């Protein structure tokens, strides 16, 4: 049980603080939750602009960081289908 708790704690920490999720603009959930995602996105935009200015031949078009969505769902209720009625 102790090993399972250690593994779970490590996984949750990684998932929330290190893993960048494509569904939230390649930010961590912690960054979005704590309100630092816009600042991080601005820093990424500056780094991408500098990279483009230095070596435009490396890019097919001017790069920009992904947008941060206003809402994110694991199971979007608007897309959820109602289960079929199971008659007796």
PDB file of N, CA and C in Angstrom:
ATOM      1  N   UNK A   1       0.833  -1.196   0.000  1.00  0.00           N
ATOM      2  CA  UNK A   1       0.000   0.000   0.000  1.00  0.00           C
ATOM      3  C   UNK A   1       0.875   1.257   0.000  1.00  0.00           C
ATOM      4  N   UNK A   2       1.967   1.219   0.737  1.00  0.00           N
ATOM      5  CA  UNK A   2       2.860   2.384   0.789  1.00  0.00           C
ATOM      6  C   UNK A   2       3.464   2.659  -0.591  1.00  0.00           C
ATOM      7  N   UNK A   3       3.852   1.595  -1.287  1.00  0.00           N
ATOM      8  CA  UNK A   3       4.422   1.766  -2.624  1.00  0.00           C
ATOM      9  C   UNK A   3       3.389   2.355  -3.579  1.00  0.00           C
ATOM     10  N   UNK A   4       2.170   1.904  -3.484  1.00  0.00           N
ATOM     11  CA  UNK A   4       1.100   2.432  -4.351  1.00  0.00           C
ATOM     12  C   UNK A   4       0.877   3.918  -4.075  1.00  0.00           C
ATOM     13  N   UNK A   5       0.902   4.308  -2.811  1.00  0.00           N
ATOM     14  CA  UNK A   5       0.723   5.725  -2.467  1.00  0.00           C
ATOM     15  C   UNK A   5       1.885   6.567  -2.992  1.00  0.00           C
ATOM     16  N   UNK A   6       3.103   6.068  -2.852  1.00  0.00           N
ATOM     17  CA  UNK A   6       4.279   6.793  -3.342  1.00  0.00           C
ATOM     18  C   UNK A   6       4.193   6.967  -4.858  1.00  0.00           C
ATOM     19  N   UNK A   7       3.850   5.890  -5.563  1.00  0.00           N
ATOM     20  CA  UNK A   7       3.756   5.958  -7.017  1.00  0.00           C
ATOM     21  C   UNK A   7       2.676   6.949  -7.436  1.00  0.00           C
ATOM     22  N   UNK A   8       1.520   6.870  -6.786  1.00  0.00           N
ATOM     23  CA  UNK A   8       0.408   7.763  -7.126  1.00  0.00           C
ATOM     24  C   UNK A   8       0.769   9.211  -6.851  1.00  0.00           C
ATOM     25  N   UNK A   9       1.386   9.479  -5.716  1.00  0.00           N
ATOM     26  CA  UNK A   9       1.797  10.855  -5.402  1.00  0.00           C
ATOM     27  C   UNK A   9       2.770  11.383  -6.450  1.00  0.00           C
ATOM     28  N   UNK A  10       3.744  10.558  -6.837  1.00  0.00           N
ATOM     29  CA  UNK A  10       4.723  10.975  -7.843  1.00  0.00           C
ATOM     30  C   UNK A  10       4.045  11.221  -9.188  1.00  0.00           C
ATOM     31  N   UNK A  11       3.123  10.343  -9.568  1.00  0.00           N
ATOM     32  CA  UNK A  11       2.428  10.501 -10.846  1.00  0.00           C
ATOM     33  C   UNK A  11       1.588  11.771 -10.860  1.00  0.00           C
ATOM     34  N   UNK A  12       0.835  12.006  -9.810  1.00  0.00           N
ATOM     35  CA  UNK A  12      -0.031  13.191  -9.750  1.00  0.00           C
ATOM     36  C   UNK A  12       0.810  14.464  -9.780  1.00  0.00           C
ATOM     37  N   UNK A  13       1.927  14.470  -9.074  1.00  0.00           N
ATOM     38  CA  UNK A  13       2.816  15.636  -9.096  1.00  0.00           C
ATOM     39  C   UNK A  13       3.330  15.876 -10.507  1.00  0.00           C
ATOM     40  N   UNK A  14       3.809  14.820 -11.168  1.00  0.00           N
ATOM     41  CA  UNK A  14       4.284  14.951 -12.546  1.00  0.00           C
ATOM     42  C   UNK A  14       3.164  15.447 -13.462  1.00  0.00           C
ATOM     43  N   UNK A  15       2.004  14.827 -13.381  1.00  0.00           N
ATOM     44  CA  UNK A  15       0.886  15.137 -14.268  1.00  0.00           C
ATOM     45  C   UNK A  15       0.438  16.591 -14.118  1.00  0.00           C
ATOM     46  N   UNK A  16       0.430  17.096 -12.904  1.00  0.00           N
ATOM     47  CA  UNK A  16      -0.056  18.454 -12.655  1.00  0.00           C
ATOM     48  C   UNK A  16       1.003  19.539 -12.806  1.00  0.00           C
ATOM     49  N   UNK A  17       2.288  19.206 -12.597  1.00  0.00           N
ATOM     50  CA  UNK A  17       3.313  20.241 -12.560  1.00  0.00           C
ATOM     51  C   UNK A  17       4.364  20.145 -13.661  1.00  0.00           C
ATOM     52  N   UNK A  18       4.509  18.998 -14.314  1.00  0.00           N
ATOM     53  CA  UNK A  18       5.554  18.840 -15.320  1.00  0.00           C
ATOM     54  C   UNK A  18       5.020  18.536 -16.721  1.00  0.00           C
ATOM     55  N   UNK A  19       4.002  17.713 -16.821  1.00  0.00           N
ATOM     56  CA  UNK A  19       3.479  17.300 -18.120  1.00  0.00           C
ATOM     57  C   UNK A  19       2.705  18.443 -18.775  1.00  0.00           C
ATOM     58  N   UNK A  20       3.079  18.766 -20.012  1.00  0.00           N
ATOM     59  CA  UNK A  20       2.375  19.812 -20.750  1.00  0.00           C
ATOM     60  C   UNK A  20       1.272  19.172 -21.582  1.00  0.00           C
ATOM     61  N   UNK A  21       0.062  19.620 -21.364  1.00  0.00           N
ATOM     62  CA  UNK A  21      -1.121  19.010 -21.969  1.00  0.00           C
ATOM     63  C   UNK A  21      -1.513  19.747 -23.253  1.00  0.00           C
ATOM     64  N   UNK A  22      -1.702  18.998 -24.318  1.00  0.00           N
ATOM     65  CA  UNK A  22      -2.065  19.613 -25.595  1.00  0.00           C
ATOM     66  C   UNK A  22      -3.433  20.294 -25.524  1.00  0.00           C
ATOM     67  N   UNK A  23      -4.326  19.778 -24.714  1.00  0.00           N
ATOM     68  CA  UNK A  23      -5.674  20.351 -24.616  1.00  0.00           C
ATOM     69  C   UNK A  23      -5.729  21.690 -23.907  1.00  0.00           C
ATOM     70  N   UNK A  24      -4.633  22.074 -23.238  1.00  0.00           N
ATOM     71  CA  UNK A  24      -4.598  23.375 -22.553  1.00  0.00           C
ATOM     72  C   UNK A  24      -3.396  24.189 -23.034  1.00  0.00           C
ATOM     73  N   UNK A  25      -3.157  24.124 -24.346  1.00  0.00           N
ATOM     74  CA  UNK A  25      -2.132  24.964 -24.961  1.00  0.00           C
ATOM     75  C   UNK A  25      -0.714  24.617 -24.561  1.00  0.00           C
ATOM     76  N   UNK A  26      -0.453  23.361 -24.283  1.00  0.00           N
ATOM     77  CA  UNK A  26       0.861  22.867 -23.862  1.00  0.00           C
ATOM     78  C   UNK A  26       1.332  23.492 -22.551  1.00  0.00           C
ATOM     79  N   UNK A  27       0.369  23.732 -21.676  1.00  0.00           N
ATOM     80  CA  UNK A  27       0.677  24.208 -20.321  1.00  0.00           C
ATOM     81  C   UNK A  27       0.443  23.070 -19.345  1.00  0.00           C
ATOM     82  N   UNK A  28       0.928  23.264 -18.138  1.00  0.00           N
ATOM     83  CA  UNK A  28       0.639  22.297 -17.089  1.00  0.00           C
ATOM     84  C   UNK A  28      -0.679  22.694 -16.431  1.00  0.00           C
ATOM     85  N   UNK A  29      -1.406  21.740 -15.861  1.00  0.00           N
ATOM     86  CA  UNK A  29      -2.619  22.104 -15.142  1.00  0.00           C
ATOM     87  C   UNK A  29      -2.336  23.099 -14.013  1.00  0.00           C
ATOM     88  N   UNK A  30      -1.193  22.953 -13.350  1.00  0.00           N
ATOM     89  CA  UNK A  30      -0.855  23.875 -12.259  1.00  0.00           C
ATOM     90  C   UNK A  30      -0.707  25.295 -12.783  1.00  0.00           C
ATOM     91  N   UNK A  31      -0.062  25.469 -13.936  1.00  0.00           N
ATOM     92  CA  UNK A  31       0.117  26.798 -14.501  1.00  0.00           C
ATOM     93  C   UNK A  31      -1.225  27.445 -14.833  1.00  0.00           C
ATOM     94  N   UNK A  32      -2.117  26.674 -15.417  1.00  0.00           N
ATOM     95  CA  UNK A  32      -3.441  27.204 -15.749  1.00  0.00           C
ATOM     96  C   UNK A  32      -4.206  27.523 -14.468  1.00  0.00           C
ATOM     97  N   UNK A  33      -4.173  26.620 -13.524  1.00  0.00           N
ATOM     98  CA  UNK A  33      -4.911  26.805 -12.272  1.00  0.00           C
ATOM     99  C   UNK A  33      -4.383  27.996 -11.473  1.00  0.00           C
ATOM    100  N   UNK A  34      -3.064  28.169 -11.451  1.00  0.00           N
ATOM    101  CA  UNK A  34      -2.457  29.243 -10.661  1.00  0.00           C
ATOM    102  C   UNK A  34      -2.426  30.580 -11.390  1.00  0.00           C
ATOM    103  N   UNK A  35      -2.845  30.586 -12.665  1.00  0.00           N
ATOM    104  CA  UNK A  35      -2.947  31.837 -13.407  1.00  0.00           C
ATOM    105  C   UNK A  35      -1.658  32.318 -14.050  1.00  0.00           C
ATOM    106  N   UNK A  36      -0.680  31.439 -14.233  1.00  0.00           N
ATOM    107  CA  UNK A  36       0.576  31.848 -14.854  1.00  0.00           C
ATOM    108  C   UNK A  36       0.650  31.485 -16.337  1.00  0.00           C
ATOM    109  N   UNK A  37      -0.382  30.872 -16.872  1.00  0.00           N
ATOM    110  CA  UNK A  37      -0.344  30.397 -18.264  1.00  0.00           C
ATOM    111  C   UNK A  37      -0.170  31.539 -19.265  1.00  0.00           C
ATOM    112  N   UNK A  38      -0.821  32.659 -19.058  1.00  0.00           N
ATOM    113  CA  UNK A  38      -0.686  33.792 -19.990  1.00  0.00           C
ATOM    114  C   UNK A  38       0.748  34.309 -20.002  1.00  0.00           C
ATOM    115  N   UNK A  39       1.352  34.416 -18.833  1.00  0.00           N
ATOM    116  CA  UNK A  39       2.742  34.875 -18.741  1.00  0.00           C
ATOM    117  C   UNK A  39       3.680  33.890 -19.451  1.00  0.00           C
ATOM    118  N   UNK A  40       3.458  32.605 -19.227  1.00  0.00           N
ATOM    119  CA  UNK A  40       4.266  31.577 -19.889  1.00  0.00           C
ATOM    120  C   UNK A  40       4.070  31.658 -21.392  1.00  0.00           C
ATOM    121  N   UNK A  41       2.830  31.837 -21.836  1.00  0.00           N
ATOM    122  CA  UNK A  41       2.556  31.944 -23.274  1.00  0.00           C
ATOM    123  C   UNK A  41       3.267  33.148 -23.866  1.00  0.00           C
ATOM    124  N   UNK A  42       3.269  34.277 -23.167  1.00  0.00           N
ATOM    125  CA  UNK A  42       3.971  35.472 -23.652  1.00  0.00           C
ATOM    126  C   UNK A  42       5.470  35.216 -23.768  1.00  0.00           C
ATOM    127  N   UNK A  43       6.042  34.508 -22.804  1.00  0.00           N
ATOM    128  CA  UNK A  43       7.471  34.171 -22.857  1.00  0.00           C
ATOM    129  C   UNK A  43       7.756  33.244 -24.035  1.00  0.00           C
ATOM    130  N   UNK A  44       6.880  32.297 -24.268  1.00  0.00           N
ATOM    131  CA  UNK A  44       7.044  31.391 -25.414  1.00  0.00           C
ATOM    132  C   UNK A  44       6.964  32.163 -26.719  1.00  0.00           C
ATOM    133  N   UNK A  45       6.019  33.103 -26.803  1.00  0.00           N
ATOM    134  CA  UNK A  45       5.869  33.903 -28.018  1.00  0.00           C
ATOM    135  C   UNK A  45       7.137  34.699 -28.285  1.00  0.00           C
ATOM    136  N   UNK A  46       7.740  35.273 -27.246  1.00  0.00           N
ATOM    137  CA  UNK A  46       8.974  36.040 -27.414  1.00  0.00           C
ATOM    138  C   UNK A  46      10.109  35.130 -27.879  1.00  0.00           C
ATOM    139  N   UNK A  47      10.217  33.944 -27.302  1.00  0.00           N
ATOM    140  CA  UNK A  47      11.273  33.007 -27.692  1.00  0.00           C
ATOM    141  C   UNK A  47      11.083  32.544 -29.140  1.00  0.00           C
ATOM    142  N   UNK A  48       9.843  32.277 -29.526  1.00  0.00           N
ATOM    143  CA  UNK A  48       9.573  31.851 -30.898  1.00  0.00           C
ATOM    144  C   UNK A  48       9.863  32.976 -31.894  1.00  0.00           C
ATOM    145  N   UNK A  49       9.509  34.216 -31.529  1.00  0.00           N
ATOM    146  CA  UNK A  49       9.778  35.357 -32.408  1.00  0.00           C
ATOM    147  C   UNK A  49      11.279  35.543 -32.591  1.00  0.00           C
ATOM    148  N   UNK A  50      12.032  35.409 -31.508  1.00  0.00           N
ATOM    149  CA  UNK A  50      13.491  35.535 -31.601  1.00  0.00           C
ATOM    150  C   UNK A  50      14.076  34.424 -32.474  1.00  0.00           C
ATOM    151  N   UNK A  51      13.606  33.205 -32.286  1.00  0.00           N
ATOM    152  CA  UNK A  51      14.093  32.088 -33.102  1.00  0.00           C
ATOM    153  C   UNK A  51      13.784  32.322 -34.578  1.00  0.00           C
ATOM    154  N   UNK A  52      12.605  32.836 -34.864  1.00  0.00           N
ATOM    155  CA  UNK A  52      12.225  33.109 -36.246  1.00  0.00           C
ATOM    156  C   UNK A  52      13.102  34.207 -36.842  1.00  0.00           C
ATOM    157  N   UNK A  53      13.351  35.270 -36.068  1.00  0.00           N
ATOM    158  CA  UNK A  53      14.174  36.372 -36.564  1.00  0.00           C
ATOM    159  C   UNK A  53      15.603  35.911 -36.843  1.00  0.00           C
ATOM    160  N   UNK A  54      16.120  35.023 -36.017  1.00  0.00           N
ATOM    161  CA  UNK A  54      17.494  34.544 -36.195  1.00  0.00           C
ATOM    162  C   UNK A  54      17.623  33.555 -37.357  1.00  0.00           C
ATOM    163  N   UNK A  55      16.615  32.688 -37.516  1.00  0.00           N
ATOM    164  CA  UNK A  55      16.698  31.633 -38.531  1.00  0.00           C
ATOM    165  C   UNK A  55      15.348  31.404 -39.206  1.00  0.00           C
ATOM    166  N   UNK A  56      14.879  32.350 -39.993  1.00  0.00           N
ATOM    167  CA  UNK A  56      13.566  32.178 -40.637  1.00  0.00           C
ATOM    168  C   UNK A  56      13.527  30.986 -41.597  1.00  0.00           C
ATOM    169  N   UNK A  57      14.671  30.576 -42.091  1.00  0.00           N
ATOM    170  CA  UNK A  57      14.707  29.444 -43.021  1.00  0.00           C
ATOM    171  C   UNK A  57      14.291  28.138 -42.358  1.00  0.00           C
ATOM    172  N   UNK A  58      14.283  28.092 -41.055  1.00  0.00           N
ATOM    173  CA  UNK A  58      13.895  26.876 -40.334  1.00  0.00           C
ATOM    174  C   UNK A  58      12.369  26.726 -40.210  1.00  0.00           C
ATOM    175  N   UNK A  59      11.640  27.733 -40.619  1.00  0.00           N
ATOM    176  CA  UNK A  59      10.197  27.748 -40.405  1.00  0.00           C
ATOM    177  C   UNK A  59       9.452  27.899 -41.724  1.00  0.00           C
ATOM    178  N   UNK A  60       8.351  27.194 -41.853  1.00  0.00           N
ATOM    179  CA  UNK A  60       7.487  27.348 -43.025  1.00  0.00           C
ATOM    180  C   UNK A  60       6.657  28.629 -42.911  1.00  0.00           C
ATOM    181  N   UNK A  61       6.372  29.035 -41.691  1.00  0.00           N
ATOM    182  CA  UNK A  61       5.637  30.277 -41.414  1.00  0.00           C
ATOM    183  C   UNK A  61       6.030  30.758 -40.018  1.00  0.00           C
ATOM    184  N   UNK A  62       5.661  31.981 -39.706  1.00  0.00           N
ATOM    185  CA  UNK A  62       6.008  32.548 -38.403  1.00  0.00           C
ATOM    186  C   UNK A  62       5.334  31.714 -37.299  1.00  0.00           C
ATOM    187  N   UNK A  63       6.121  31.203 -36.356  1.00  0.00           N
ATOM    188  CA  UNK A  63       5.540  30.359 -35.303  1.00  0.00           C
ATOM    189  C   UNK A  63       4.843  31.179 -34.221  1.00  0.00           C
ATOM    190  N   UNK A  64       3.869  30.563 -33.604  1.00  0.00           N
ATOM    191  CA  UNK A  64       3.208  31.193 -32.456  1.00  0.00           C
ATOM    192  C   UNK A  64       2.807  30.087 -31.485  1.00  0.00           C
ATOM    193  N   UNK A  65       2.791  30.397 -30.212  1.00  0.00           N
ATOM    194  CA  UNK A  65       2.410  29.367 -29.235  1.00  0.00           C
ATOM    195  C   UNK A  65       0.918  29.067 -29.331  1.00  0.00           C
ATOM    196  N   UNK A  66       0.504  27.869 -28.906  1.00  0.00           N
ATOM    197  CA  UNK A  66      -0.915  27.520 -28.978  1.00  0.00           C
ATOM    198  C   UNK A  66      -1.764  28.427 -28.082  1.00  0.00           C
ATOM    199  N   UNK A  67      -2.991  28.614 -28.490  1.00  0.00           N
ATOM    200  CA  UNK A  67      -3.940  29.394 -27.689  1.00  0.00           C
ATOM    201  C   UNK A  67      -4.284  28.638 -26.407  1.00  0.00           C
ATOM    202  N   UNK A  68      -4.650  29.376 -25.396  1.00  0.00           N
ATOM    203  CA  UNK A  68      -5.115  28.778 -24.150  1.00  0.00           C
ATOM    204  C   UNK A  68      -6.644  28.773 -24.223  1.00  0.00           C
ATOM    205  N   UNK A  69      -7.256  27.605 -24.202  1.00  0.00           N
ATOM    206  CA  UNK A  69      -8.715  27.560 -24.330  1.00  0.00           C
ATOM    207  C   UNK A  69      -9.410  28.162 -23.113  1.00  0.00           C
ATOM    208  N   UNK A  70     -10.600  28.692 -23.346  1.00  0.00           N
ATOM    209  CA  UNK A  70     -11.377  29.263 -22.241  1.00  0.00           C
ATOM    210  C   UNK A  70     -11.975  28.201 -21.343  1.00  0.00           C
ATOM    211  N   UNK A  71     -12.329  27.063 -21.915  1.00  0.00           N
ATOM    212  CA  UNK A  71     -12.889  25.952 -21.152  1.00  0.00           C
ATOM    213  C   UNK A  71     -12.258  24.661 -21.643  1.00  0.00           C
ATOM    214  N   UNK A  72     -12.067  23.761 -20.723  1.00  0.00           N
ATOM    215  CA  UNK A  72     -11.524  22.451 -21.045  1.00  0.00           C
ATOM    216  C   UNK A  72     -12.348  21.410 -20.329  1.00  0.00           C
ATOM    217  N   UNK A  73     -12.642  20.336 -21.041  1.00  0.00           N
ATOM    218  CA  UNK A  73     -13.445  19.265 -20.456  1.00  0.00           C
ATOM    219  C   UNK A  73     -12.746  17.928 -20.629  1.00  0.00           C
ATOM    220  N   UNK A  74     -12.867  17.088 -19.647  1.00  0.00           N
ATOM    221  CA  UNK A  74     -12.466  15.698 -19.824  1.00  0.00           C
ATOM    222  C   UNK A  74     -13.619  14.970 -20.508  1.00  0.00           C
ATOM    223  N   UNK A  75     -14.817  15.191 -20.032  1.00  0.00           N
ATOM    224  CA  UNK A  75     -16.025  14.633 -20.635  1.00  0.00           C
ATOM    225  C   UNK A  75     -16.994  15.799 -20.835  1.00  0.00           C
ATOM    226  N   UNK A  76     -16.934  16.408 -22.007  1.00  0.00           N
ATOM    227  CA  UNK A  76     -17.763  17.573 -22.298  1.00  0.00           C
ATOM    228  C   UNK A  76     -19.240  17.204 -22.217  1.00  0.00           C
ATOM    229  N   UNK A  77     -19.977  17.829 -21.302  1.00  0.00           N
ATOM    230  CA  UNK A  77     -21.393  17.484 -21.164  1.00  0.00           C
ATOM    231  C   UNK A  77     -22.206  17.778 -22.428  1.00  0.00           C
ATOM    232  N   UNK A  78     -21.769  18.756 -23.219  1.00  0.00           N
ATOM    233  CA  UNK A  78     -22.500  19.076 -24.451  1.00  0.00           C
ATOM    234  C   UNK A  78     -22.370  17.960 -25.486  1.00  0.00           C
ATOM    235  N   UNK A  79     -21.316  17.175 -25.385  1.00  0.00           N
ATOM    236  CA  UNK A  79     -21.094  16.098 -26.348  1.00  0.00           C
ATOM    237  C   UNK A  79     -21.464  14.735 -25.786  1.00  0.00           C
ATOM    238  N   UNK A  80     -21.881  14.722 -24.549  1.00  0.00           N
ATOM    239  CA  UNK A  80     -22.207  13.448 -23.911  1.00  0.00           C
ATOM    240  C   UNK A  80     -23.521  12.913 -24.467  1.00  0.00           C
ATOM    241  N   UNK A  81     -23.502  11.650 -24.817  1.00  0.00           N
ATOM    242  CA  UNK A  81     -24.722  11.010 -25.304  1.00  0.00           C
ATOM    243  C   UNK A  81     -25.459  10.379 -24.122  1.00  0.00           C
ATOM    244  N   UNK A  82     -26.751  10.430 -24.201  1.00  0.00           N
ATOM    245  CA  UNK A  82     -27.550   9.795 -23.171  1.00  0.00           C
ATOM    246  C   UNK A  82     -27.498   8.289 -23.381  1.00  0.00           C
ATOM    247  N   UNK A  83     -27.278   7.533 -22.306  1.00  0.00           N
ATOM    248  CA  UNK A  83     -27.250   6.074 -22.473  1.00  0.00           C
ATOM    249  C   UNK A  83     -28.622   5.567 -22.923  1.00  0.00           C
ATOM    250  N   UNK A  84     -28.580   4.529 -23.705  1.00  0.00           N
ATOM    251  CA  UNK A  84     -29.837   3.936 -24.187  1.00  0.00           C
ATOM    252  C   UNK A  84     -30.633   3.397 -23.004  1.00  0.00           C
ATOM    253  N   UNK A  85     -31.907   3.565 -23.089  1.00  0.00           N
ATOM    254  CA  UNK A  85     -32.781   3.083 -22.030  1.00  0.00           C
ATOM    255  C   UNK A  85     -32.730   1.562 -21.989  1.00  0.00           C
ATOM    256  N   UNK A  86     -32.571   1.037 -20.791  1.00  0.00           N
ATOM    257  CA  UNK A  86     -32.533  -0.418 -20.639  1.00  0.00           C
ATOM    258  C   UNK A  86     -33.861  -0.872 -20.064  1.00  0.00           C
ATOM    259  N   UNK A  87     -34.684  -1.393 -20.919  1.00  0.00           N
ATOM    260  CA  UNK A  87     -35.996  -1.861 -20.493  1.00  0.00           C
ATOM    261  C   UNK A  87     -35.910  -3.186 -19.737  1.00  0.00           C
ATOM    262  N   UNK A  88     -36.903  -3.455 -18.950  1.00  0.00           N
ATOM    263  CA  UNK A  88     -36.912  -4.712 -18.181  1.00  0.00           C
ATOM    264  C   UNK A  88     -37.327  -5.858 -19.038  1.00  0.00           C
TER     265      UNK A  88
END
